[in-house]
Amino acid sequence: MATKIDKEACREAYNLVRADTNGISWVTFKYDGPTIVPGDQGSEYEEFVNACSDDIRLYAYIRFTTGDAMSKRTKFVLITWIGENVGGLQRAKTGTDKTLVKDVVQNFAKEFVITDHKELEEDYIRNELKKAGGANYDAQNE
């Protein structure tokens, strides 16, 4: 059965993360049968990490504040999480299903496909965002 996405519900969840006023910094998109729907949401990155269990696959849209002493900016990431106990067919479908998510989630600085909990560490994600972010004025202080 072909995967579908609840575009309206997912767009609402996406816009919650994009808004500056509500404190929501992440949202997941999960499978409900053959349909991708909004999942959990929250304000603490650790809550997101706890939602990534070994037996599921999900997509997450996450807000980070990055920058250096000279400027702070908001960056967004799209994470595809595939737990180590997810079967081969589901793993394979995750890549093609991601195109449905990208129809909704269109604004992000970096994309990750993660299968190992170590790569979910916040410092790792922030460091990758910093590398992708261009000028780093912190280097002048070293």
N, C-alpha and C. Protein backbone atom coordinates (compact mmCIF):
# COMPACT_ATOMS: atom_id res chain seq x y z
N MET A 1 0.84 -1.18 0.00
CA MET A 1 0.00 0.00 0.00
C MET A 1 0.89 1.25 0.00
N ALA A 2 0.56 2.20 -0.83
CA ALA A 2 1.36 3.42 -0.96
C ALA A 2 1.20 4.31 0.28
N THR A 3 2.29 4.92 0.66
CA THR A 3 2.27 5.83 1.80
C THR A 3 1.65 7.16 1.40
N LYS A 4 0.86 7.73 2.32
CA LYS A 4 0.26 9.05 2.12
C LYS A 4 0.70 9.94 3.28
N ILE A 5 0.42 11.23 3.16
CA ILE A 5 0.72 12.16 4.24
C ILE A 5 -0.50 13.04 4.49
N ASP A 6 -0.79 13.30 5.74
CA ASP A 6 -1.84 14.25 6.10
C ASP A 6 -1.21 15.64 6.04
N LYS A 7 -1.25 16.23 4.84
CA LYS A 7 -0.53 17.49 4.60
C LYS A 7 -0.97 18.62 5.52
N GLU A 8 -2.25 18.78 5.70
CA GLU A 8 -2.73 19.91 6.52
C GLU A 8 -2.27 19.78 7.96
N ALA A 9 -2.44 18.61 8.55
CA ALA A 9 -2.03 18.41 9.95
C ALA A 9 -0.52 18.55 10.09
N CYS A 10 0.23 18.00 9.14
CA CYS A 10 1.69 18.09 9.19
C CYS A 10 2.15 19.54 9.00
N ARG A 11 1.48 20.27 8.13
CA ARG A 11 1.83 21.68 7.92
C ARG A 11 1.59 22.50 9.18
N GLU A 12 0.51 22.21 9.89
CA GLU A 12 0.24 22.90 11.16
C GLU A 12 1.36 22.63 12.16
N ALA A 13 1.79 21.39 12.26
CA ALA A 13 2.87 21.03 13.19
C ALA A 13 4.18 21.72 12.77
N TYR A 14 4.47 21.71 11.49
CA TYR A 14 5.66 22.38 10.95
C TYR A 14 5.65 23.86 11.32
N ASN A 15 4.50 24.50 11.17
CA ASN A 15 4.39 25.93 11.47
C ASN A 15 4.54 26.21 12.96
N LEU A 16 4.19 25.25 13.82
CA LEU A 16 4.41 25.43 15.26
C LEU A 16 5.90 25.60 15.57
N VAL A 17 6.74 24.82 14.91
CA VAL A 17 8.19 24.91 15.13
C VAL A 17 8.74 26.20 14.53
N ARG A 18 8.19 26.63 13.42
CA ARG A 18 8.66 27.86 12.75
C ARG A 18 8.28 29.12 13.52
N ALA A 19 7.18 29.08 14.29
CA ALA A 19 6.71 30.26 15.03
C ALA A 19 7.68 30.60 16.16
N ASP A 20 7.88 31.89 16.37
CA ASP A 20 8.80 32.35 17.41
C ASP A 20 8.15 32.50 18.77
N THR A 21 6.86 32.32 18.87
CA THR A 21 6.14 32.74 20.07
C THR A 21 5.64 31.62 20.97
N ASN A 22 5.69 30.36 20.56
CA ASN A 22 5.01 29.32 21.33
C ASN A 22 5.93 28.39 22.12
N GLY A 23 7.22 28.47 21.96
CA GLY A 23 8.14 27.62 22.72
C GLY A 23 8.32 26.22 22.17
N ILE A 24 7.60 25.85 21.10
CA ILE A 24 7.75 24.53 20.48
C ILE A 24 9.02 24.54 19.64
N SER A 25 9.96 23.66 19.96
CA SER A 25 11.22 23.65 19.20
C SER A 25 11.40 22.40 18.35
N TRP A 26 10.50 21.43 18.50
CA TRP A 26 10.60 20.24 17.65
C TRP A 26 9.23 19.57 17.51
N VAL A 27 9.10 18.87 16.40
CA VAL A 27 7.91 18.07 16.14
C VAL A 27 8.34 16.84 15.36
N THR A 28 7.67 15.73 15.59
CA THR A 28 7.95 14.53 14.81
C THR A 28 6.79 14.25 13.87
N PHE A 29 7.11 13.53 12.83
CA PHE A 29 6.11 13.03 11.88
C PHE A 29 6.27 11.51 11.89
N LYS A 30 5.19 10.81 12.19
CA LYS A 30 5.27 9.37 12.38
C LYS A 30 4.30 8.66 11.45
N TYR A 31 4.38 7.35 11.44
CA TYR A 31 3.51 6.53 10.62
C TYR A 31 2.30 6.09 11.44
N ASP A 32 1.13 6.31 10.88
CA ASP A 32 -0.11 5.77 11.43
C ASP A 32 -0.67 4.89 10.32
N GLY A 33 -0.28 3.61 10.34
CA GLY A 33 -0.59 2.73 9.22
C GLY A 33 0.19 3.23 8.01
N PRO A 34 -0.50 3.41 6.87
CA PRO A 34 0.21 3.87 5.66
C PRO A 34 0.24 5.40 5.53
N THR A 35 -0.12 6.13 6.59
CA THR A 35 -0.20 7.59 6.52
C THR A 35 0.79 8.23 7.48
N ILE A 36 1.51 9.24 7.00
CA ILE A 36 2.40 10.02 7.85
C ILE A 36 1.58 11.14 8.48
N VAL A 37 1.64 11.21 9.81
CA VAL A 37 0.87 12.19 10.57
C VAL A 37 1.79 12.86 11.59
N PRO A 38 1.39 14.02 12.15
CA PRO A 38 2.20 14.62 13.20
C PRO A 38 2.27 13.69 14.41
N GLY A 39 3.42 13.67 15.03
CA GLY A 39 3.61 12.85 16.23
C GLY A 39 3.75 13.74 17.44
N ASP A 40 4.81 13.50 18.21
CA ASP A 40 5.06 14.27 19.43
C ASP A 40 5.62 15.65 19.07
N GLN A 41 5.57 16.53 20.06
CA GLN A 41 6.19 17.84 19.93
C GLN A 41 6.66 18.27 21.30
N GLY A 42 7.58 19.22 21.35
CA GLY A 42 8.07 19.66 22.64
C GLY A 42 9.01 20.83 22.53
N SER A 43 9.57 21.20 23.69
CA SER A 43 10.45 22.35 23.73
C SER A 43 11.89 21.97 24.10
N GLU A 44 12.10 20.78 24.62
CA GLU A 44 13.44 20.33 25.02
C GLU A 44 13.94 19.25 24.07
N TYR A 45 15.17 19.41 23.59
CA TYR A 45 15.74 18.47 22.64
C TYR A 45 15.79 17.05 23.22
N GLU A 46 16.08 16.91 24.51
CA GLU A 46 16.13 15.59 25.14
C GLU A 46 14.82 14.84 25.01
N GLU A 47 13.71 15.56 25.05
CA GLU A 47 12.40 14.91 24.88
C GLU A 47 12.32 14.26 23.50
N PHE A 48 12.85 14.95 22.49
CA PHE A 48 12.87 14.38 21.15
C PHE A 48 13.72 13.12 21.12
N VAL A 49 14.91 13.19 21.70
CA VAL A 49 15.81 12.03 21.70
C VAL A 49 15.13 10.83 22.34
N ASN A 50 14.39 11.06 23.41
CA ASN A 50 13.69 9.97 24.09
C ASN A 50 12.59 9.35 23.23
N ALA A 51 12.07 10.12 22.27
CA ALA A 51 11.03 9.60 21.37
C ALA A 51 11.60 8.68 20.29
N CYS A 52 12.91 8.67 20.14
CA CYS A 52 13.56 7.87 19.09
C CYS A 52 13.92 6.49 19.62
N SER A 53 12.97 5.59 19.58
CA SER A 53 13.23 4.23 20.05
C SER A 53 13.75 3.36 18.90
N ASP A 54 14.29 2.21 19.26
CA ASP A 54 14.95 1.34 18.28
C ASP A 54 13.99 0.64 17.34
N ASP A 55 12.68 0.67 17.62
CA ASP A 55 11.74 -0.08 16.80
C ASP A 55 10.87 0.80 15.91
N ILE A 56 11.22 2.08 15.77
CA ILE A 56 10.41 2.97 14.94
C ILE A 56 11.26 3.73 13.93
N ARG A 57 10.57 4.30 12.97
CA ARG A 57 11.16 5.25 12.04
C ARG A 57 10.28 6.48 12.09
N LEU A 58 10.90 7.63 12.08
CA LEU A 58 10.14 8.87 12.10
C LEU A 58 10.98 9.97 11.49
N TYR A 59 10.32 11.09 11.26
CA TYR A 59 10.96 12.29 10.74
C TYR A 59 10.77 13.37 11.79
N ALA A 60 11.75 14.25 11.93
CA ALA A 60 11.63 15.31 12.92
C ALA A 60 12.09 16.63 12.32
N TYR A 61 11.40 17.68 12.70
CA TYR A 61 11.76 19.04 12.31
C TYR A 61 12.09 19.77 13.60
N ILE A 62 13.32 20.30 13.67
CA ILE A 62 13.83 20.83 14.94
C ILE A 62 14.45 22.21 14.74
N ARG A 63 14.16 23.09 15.69
CA ARG A 63 14.68 24.46 15.71
C ARG A 63 15.90 24.51 16.64
N PHE A 64 16.97 25.15 16.16
CA PHE A 64 18.15 25.40 16.97
C PHE A 64 18.50 26.88 16.87
N THR A 65 18.98 27.44 17.97
CA THR A 65 19.55 28.78 17.92
C THR A 65 21.05 28.60 17.87
N THR A 66 21.65 29.10 16.82
CA THR A 66 23.09 28.95 16.62
C THR A 66 23.72 30.32 16.49
N GLY A 67 24.99 30.31 16.28
CA GLY A 67 25.69 31.56 16.06
C GLY A 67 26.88 31.68 16.98
N ASP A 68 27.33 32.89 17.14
CA ASP A 68 28.54 33.16 17.89
C ASP A 68 28.34 34.46 18.64
N ALA A 69 29.43 35.02 19.13
CA ALA A 69 29.34 36.24 19.92
C ALA A 69 28.78 37.42 19.12
N MET A 70 28.95 37.39 17.83
CA MET A 70 28.53 38.51 16.98
C MET A 70 27.10 38.40 16.47
N SER A 71 26.58 37.21 16.33
CA SER A 71 25.21 37.08 15.82
C SER A 71 24.60 35.74 16.23
N LYS A 72 23.35 35.80 16.57
CA LYS A 72 22.56 34.60 16.85
C LYS A 72 21.54 34.44 15.74
N ARG A 73 21.31 33.21 15.34
CA ARG A 73 20.32 32.97 14.30
C ARG A 73 19.64 31.63 14.52
N THR A 74 18.45 31.55 14.02
CA THR A 74 17.67 30.33 14.12
C THR A 74 17.93 29.47 12.90
N LYS A 75 18.23 28.22 13.15
CA LYS A 75 18.44 27.24 12.08
C LYS A 75 17.52 26.06 12.34
N PHE A 76 17.08 25.42 11.27
CA PHE A 76 16.19 24.28 11.36
C PHE A 76 16.85 23.07 10.73
N VAL A 77 16.59 21.89 11.29
CA VAL A 77 17.11 20.65 10.73
C VAL A 77 15.96 19.67 10.50
N LEU A 78 16.15 18.82 9.52
CA LEU A 78 15.23 17.72 9.25
C LEU A 78 16.00 16.44 9.54
N ILE A 79 15.48 15.66 10.48
CA ILE A 79 16.13 14.40 10.86
C ILE A 79 15.22 13.24 10.47
N THR A 80 15.81 12.27 9.81
CA THR A 80 15.13 11.00 9.56
C THR A 80 15.74 10.01 10.53
N TRP A 81 14.93 9.49 11.44
CA TRP A 81 15.39 8.50 12.42
C TRP A 81 14.90 7.13 11.99
N ILE A 82 15.84 6.18 11.93
CA ILE A 82 15.51 4.79 11.64
C ILE A 82 16.14 3.94 12.73
N GLY A 83 15.32 3.40 13.61
CA GLY A 83 15.81 2.58 14.72
C GLY A 83 16.46 1.30 14.22
N GLU A 84 17.36 0.77 15.02
CA GLU A 84 18.12 -0.41 14.59
C GLU A 84 17.27 -1.66 14.44
N ASN A 85 16.08 -1.71 15.06
CA ASN A 85 15.22 -2.88 14.95
C ASN A 85 14.15 -2.74 13.86
N VAL A 86 14.24 -1.70 13.04
CA VAL A 86 13.29 -1.52 11.94
C VAL A 86 13.67 -2.47 10.82
N GLY A 87 12.67 -3.16 10.25
CA GLY A 87 12.91 -4.14 9.20
C GLY A 87 13.41 -3.54 7.89
N GLY A 88 13.96 -4.39 7.06
CA GLY A 88 14.57 -3.96 5.80
C GLY A 88 13.62 -3.25 4.85
N LEU A 89 12.41 -3.76 4.68
CA LEU A 89 11.46 -3.14 3.76
C LEU A 89 11.07 -1.76 4.25
N GLN A 90 10.82 -1.63 5.55
CA GLN A 90 10.48 -0.31 6.10
C GLN A 90 11.65 0.65 5.98
N ARG A 91 12.86 0.17 6.20
CA ARG A 91 14.05 1.01 6.03
C ARG A 91 14.12 1.55 4.60
N ALA A 92 13.90 0.67 3.65
CA ALA A 92 14.00 1.06 2.25
C ALA A 92 12.93 2.08 1.88
N LYS A 93 11.74 1.91 2.40
CA LYS A 93 10.63 2.83 2.08
C LYS A 93 10.82 4.21 2.70
N THR A 94 11.60 4.28 3.78
CA THR A 94 11.78 5.55 4.48
C THR A 94 12.33 6.64 3.55
N GLY A 95 13.26 6.28 2.71
CA GLY A 95 13.85 7.25 1.79
C GLY A 95 12.84 7.82 0.80
N THR A 96 12.03 6.96 0.22
CA THR A 96 11.04 7.46 -0.74
C THR A 96 9.90 8.18 -0.04
N ASP A 97 9.54 7.72 1.17
CA ASP A 97 8.48 8.39 1.93
C ASP A 97 8.91 9.79 2.36
N LYS A 98 10.21 9.99 2.52
CA LYS A 98 10.70 11.29 2.95
C LYS A 98 10.32 12.40 1.96
N THR A 99 10.16 12.06 0.69
CA THR A 99 9.75 13.07 -0.28
C THR A 99 8.38 13.65 0.07
N LEU A 100 7.52 12.85 0.66
CA LEU A 100 6.21 13.34 1.10
C LEU A 100 6.37 14.36 2.23
N VAL A 101 7.28 14.05 3.15
CA VAL A 101 7.55 14.97 4.26
C VAL A 101 8.15 16.27 3.73
N LYS A 102 9.03 16.16 2.76
CA LYS A 102 9.68 17.36 2.21
C LYS A 102 8.71 18.24 1.42
N ASP A 103 7.57 17.70 1.01
CA ASP A 103 6.54 18.56 0.42
C ASP A 103 5.99 19.55 1.44
N VAL A 104 6.05 19.18 2.70
CA VAL A 104 5.57 20.03 3.80
C VAL A 104 6.72 20.80 4.44
N VAL A 105 7.78 20.08 4.78
CA VAL A 105 8.94 20.65 5.47
C VAL A 105 9.93 21.12 4.40
N GLN A 106 9.89 22.39 4.08
CA GLN A 106 10.69 22.86 2.97
C GLN A 106 11.85 23.76 3.38
N ASN A 107 11.87 24.22 4.61
CA ASN A 107 12.90 25.18 5.02
C ASN A 107 13.75 24.58 6.13
N PHE A 108 14.96 24.13 5.77
CA PHE A 108 15.89 23.60 6.78
C PHE A 108 17.31 23.82 6.30
N ALA A 109 18.21 24.00 7.26
CA ALA A 109 19.60 24.27 6.93
C ALA A 109 20.38 22.99 6.67
N LYS A 110 20.02 21.91 7.34
CA LYS A 110 20.76 20.66 7.21
C LYS A 110 19.80 19.49 7.40
N GLU A 111 20.13 18.42 6.73
CA GLU A 111 19.32 17.20 6.80
C GLU A 111 20.20 16.06 7.29
N PHE A 112 19.65 15.23 8.16
CA PHE A 112 20.37 14.09 8.72
C PHE A 112 19.54 12.83 8.55
N VAL A 113 20.21 11.73 8.26
CA VAL A 113 19.61 10.40 8.34
C VAL A 113 20.39 9.69 9.43
N ILE A 114 19.71 9.36 10.53
CA ILE A 114 20.38 8.86 11.72
C ILE A 114 19.80 7.50 12.12
N THR A 115 20.71 6.56 12.39
CA THR A 115 20.32 5.23 12.82
C THR A 115 20.98 4.85 14.15
N ASP A 116 21.85 5.71 14.66
CA ASP A 116 22.62 5.43 15.87
C ASP A 116 22.34 6.53 16.89
N HIS A 117 22.02 6.15 18.11
CA HIS A 117 21.70 7.13 19.15
C HIS A 117 22.83 8.13 19.39
N LYS A 118 24.09 7.72 19.16
CA LYS A 118 25.22 8.63 19.38
C LYS A 118 25.12 9.85 18.46
N GLU A 119 24.61 9.64 17.26
CA GLU A 119 24.51 10.75 16.31
C GLU A 119 23.35 11.69 16.65
N LEU A 120 22.51 11.30 17.59
CA LEU A 120 21.42 12.18 18.03
C LEU A 120 21.88 13.18 19.09
N GLU A 121 23.12 13.06 19.55
CA GLU A 121 23.61 13.97 20.58
C GLU A 121 23.50 15.41 20.09
N GLU A 122 23.00 16.27 20.97
CA GLU A 122 22.76 17.67 20.60
C GLU A 122 24.04 18.37 20.16
N ASP A 123 25.14 18.09 20.83
CA ASP A 123 26.41 18.74 20.46
C ASP A 123 26.83 18.36 19.04
N TYR A 124 26.61 17.11 18.65
CA TYR A 124 26.94 16.68 17.30
C TYR A 124 26.12 17.44 16.27
N ILE A 125 24.81 17.56 16.50
CA ILE A 125 23.93 18.26 15.57
C ILE A 125 24.34 19.74 15.50
N ARG A 126 24.56 20.36 16.65
CA ARG A 126 24.95 21.78 16.67
C ARG A 126 26.28 22.00 15.93
N ASN A 127 27.22 21.09 16.12
CA ASN A 127 28.52 21.22 15.45
C ASN A 127 28.35 21.13 13.94
N GLU A 128 27.52 20.20 13.48
CA GLU A 128 27.26 20.07 12.04
C GLU A 128 26.57 21.33 11.49
N LEU A 129 25.66 21.89 12.26
CA LEU A 129 25.00 23.14 11.85
C LEU A 129 26.00 24.28 11.77
N LYS A 130 26.92 24.32 12.73
CA LYS A 130 27.93 25.38 12.74
C LYS A 130 28.82 25.29 11.50
N LYS A 131 29.20 24.06 11.13
CA LYS A 131 30.01 23.86 9.92
C LYS A 131 29.28 24.34 8.68
N ALA A 132 27.97 24.11 8.65
CA ALA A 132 27.17 24.48 7.47
C ALA A 132 26.79 25.96 7.48
N GLY A 133 27.06 26.64 8.59
CA GLY A 133 26.54 27.99 8.78
C GLY A 133 27.36 29.12 8.22
N GLY A 134 28.55 28.87 7.70
CA GLY A 134 29.32 29.97 7.14
C GLY A 134 30.25 30.58 8.16
N ALA A 135 30.33 31.92 8.16
CA ALA A 135 31.28 32.66 8.99
C ALA A 135 31.14 32.31 10.46
N ASN A 136 32.28 32.15 11.12
CA ASN A 136 32.33 31.86 12.54
C ASN A 136 33.22 32.89 13.21
N TYR A 137 32.63 33.87 13.85
CA TYR A 137 33.37 34.94 14.47
C TYR A 137 33.97 34.55 15.80
N ASP A 138 33.59 33.41 16.36
CA ASP A 138 34.19 32.94 17.61
C ASP A 138 35.69 32.69 17.42
N ALA A 139 36.12 32.37 16.23
CA ALA A 139 37.51 32.07 15.97
C ALA A 139 38.40 33.28 16.28
N GLN A 140 37.86 34.49 16.21
CA GLN A 140 38.64 35.69 16.49
C GLN A 140 38.99 35.80 17.97
N ASN A 141 38.23 35.13 18.81
CA ASN A 141 38.47 35.20 20.25
C ASN A 141 39.44 34.14 20.73
N GLU A 142 39.87 33.26 19.87
CA GLU A 142 40.76 32.16 20.29
C GLU A 142 42.20 32.60 20.22
